[in-house]
Amino acid sequence: MTPSQIATYVDAAAAALDLRLRQDYRPGVLRYFTLASEFAAIVDAVPLQPHDEAATTFVPVEPREATE
């Protein structure tokens, strides 16, 4: 997405959610959505085949303490 498209999306999403986006937060929100857009482009670039399937279940594990 272009910076203009991202700004338009953020504005539309905020309006749809009736969310007042503070002007001092806006640059950070736009940076986040830019990053998310870049991640999405990387994922979209991976070609999938008919036999590729999504994982059925995600099971998180508890973090362990670092050992020295």
C-alpha atoms as a PDB file:
ATOM      1  CA  MET A   1       0.000   0.000   0.000  1.00  0.00           C
ATOM      2  CA  THR A   2       1.123   3.513  -0.651  1.00  0.00           C
ATOM      3  CA  PRO A   3       1.423   6.025   2.212  1.00  0.00           C
ATOM      4  CA  SER A   4      -1.692   7.769   0.889  1.00  0.00           C
ATOM      5  CA  GLN A   5      -3.673   4.504   0.841  1.00  0.00           C
ATOM      6  CA  ILE A   6      -2.552   3.706   4.378  1.00  0.00           C
ATOM      7  CA  ALA A   7      -3.587   7.151   5.637  1.00  0.00           C
ATOM      8  CA  THR A   8      -6.964   6.796   3.916  1.00  0.00           C
ATOM      9  CA  TYR A   9      -7.453   3.341   5.439  1.00  0.00           C
ATOM     10  CA  VAL A  10      -6.523   4.520   8.948  1.00  0.00           C
ATOM     11  CA  ASP A  11      -8.897   7.468   8.674  1.00  0.00           C
ATOM     12  CA  ALA A  12     -11.741   5.276   7.388  1.00  0.00           C
ATOM     13  CA  ALA A  13     -11.192   2.595  10.034  1.00  0.00           C
ATOM     14  CA  ALA A  14     -11.091   5.177  12.815  1.00  0.00           C
ATOM     15  CA  ALA A  15     -14.301   6.758  11.511  1.00  0.00           C
ATOM     16  CA  ALA A  16     -16.037   3.372  11.214  1.00  0.00           C
ATOM     17  CA  LEU A  17     -15.106   2.578  14.817  1.00  0.00           C
ATOM     18  CA  ASP A  18     -15.992   6.083  16.021  1.00  0.00           C
ATOM     19  CA  LEU A  19     -12.426   6.285  17.291  1.00  0.00           C
ATOM     20  CA  ARG A  20     -10.878   9.690  17.759  1.00  0.00           C
ATOM     21  CA  LEU A  21      -7.260   9.327  16.745  1.00  0.00           C
ATOM     22  CA  ARG A  22      -5.175  11.922  18.546  1.00  0.00           C
ATOM     23  CA  GLN A  23      -2.929  13.889  16.209  1.00  0.00           C
ATOM     24  CA  ASP A  24       0.153  13.142  18.317  1.00  0.00           C
ATOM     25  CA  TYR A  25      -0.566   9.384  17.972  1.00  0.00           C
ATOM     26  CA  ARG A  26      -1.226   9.496  14.222  1.00  0.00           C
ATOM     27  CA  PRO A  27       2.420   9.201  13.059  1.00  0.00           C
ATOM     28  CA  GLY A  28       2.911   6.073  15.176  1.00  0.00           C
ATOM     29  CA  VAL A  29      -0.336   4.526  13.955  1.00  0.00           C
ATOM     30  CA  LEU A  30       0.648   5.211  10.340  1.00  0.00           C
ATOM     31  CA  ARG A  31       4.107   3.678  10.957  1.00  0.00           C
ATOM     32  CA  TYR A  32       2.497   0.559  12.434  1.00  0.00           C
ATOM     33  CA  PHE A  33       0.111   0.139   9.505  1.00  0.00           C
ATOM     34  CA  THR A  34       2.999   0.684   7.078  1.00  0.00           C
ATOM     35  CA  LEU A  35       4.905  -2.110   8.809  1.00  0.00           C
ATOM     36  CA  ALA A  36       1.846  -4.369   8.803  1.00  0.00           C
ATOM     37  CA  SER A  37       1.365  -3.675   5.103  1.00  0.00           C
ATOM     38  CA  GLU A  38       4.985  -4.635   4.409  1.00  0.00           C
ATOM     39  CA  PHE A  39       4.546  -7.895   6.355  1.00  0.00           C
ATOM     40  CA  ALA A  40       1.364  -8.647   4.412  1.00  0.00           C
ATOM     41  CA  ALA A  41       3.198  -8.120   1.112  1.00  0.00           C
ATOM     42  CA  ILE A  42       5.868 -10.621   2.184  1.00  0.00           C
ATOM     43  CA  VAL A  43       3.240 -13.218   3.103  1.00  0.00           C
ATOM     44  CA  ASP A  44       1.294 -12.587  -0.120  1.00  0.00           C
ATOM     45  CA  ALA A  45       4.468 -13.148  -2.134  1.00  0.00           C
ATOM     46  CA  VAL A  46       4.703 -16.786  -1.003  1.00  0.00           C
ATOM     47  CA  PRO A  47       3.127 -18.986  -3.661  1.00  0.00           C
ATOM     48  CA  LEU A  48       0.730 -21.562  -2.264  1.00  0.00           C
ATOM     49  CA  GLN A  49      -0.147 -24.862  -3.845  1.00  0.00           C
ATOM     50  CA  PRO A  50      -3.471 -26.716  -3.573  1.00  0.00           C
ATOM     51  CA  HIS A  51      -1.948 -29.153  -1.064  1.00  0.00           C
ATOM     52  CA  ASP A  52      -0.826 -26.343   1.292  1.00  0.00           C
ATOM     53  CA  GLU A  53      -3.092 -26.150   4.308  1.00  0.00           C
ATOM     54  CA  ALA A  54      -3.352 -23.887   7.293  1.00  0.00           C
ATOM     55  CA  ALA A  55      -2.417 -25.306  10.681  1.00  0.00           C
ATOM     56  CA  THR A  56      -5.429 -26.789  12.419  1.00  0.00           C
ATOM     57  CA  THR A  57      -4.621 -25.583  15.921  1.00  0.00           C
ATOM     58  CA  PHE A  58      -2.243 -23.129  17.516  1.00  0.00           C
ATOM     59  CA  VAL A  59      -1.233 -24.125  21.036  1.00  0.00           C
ATOM     60  CA  PRO A  60       0.860 -21.517  22.821  1.00  0.00           C
ATOM     61  CA  VAL A  61       3.405 -22.607  25.385  1.00  0.00           C
ATOM     62  CA  GLU A  62       4.333 -20.840  28.586  1.00  0.00           C
ATOM     63  CA  PRO A  63       7.543 -18.840  28.396  1.00  0.00           C
ATOM     64  CA  ARG A  64      10.448 -20.283  30.320  1.00  0.00           C
ATOM     65  CA  GLU A  65      12.907 -18.368  32.425  1.00  0.00           C
ATOM     66  CA  ALA A  66      16.243 -17.843  30.708  1.00  0.00           C
ATOM     67  CA  THR A  67      18.947 -20.097  32.097  1.00  0.00           C
ATOM     68  CA  GLU A  68      22.479 -18.912  32.431  1.00  0.00           C
END
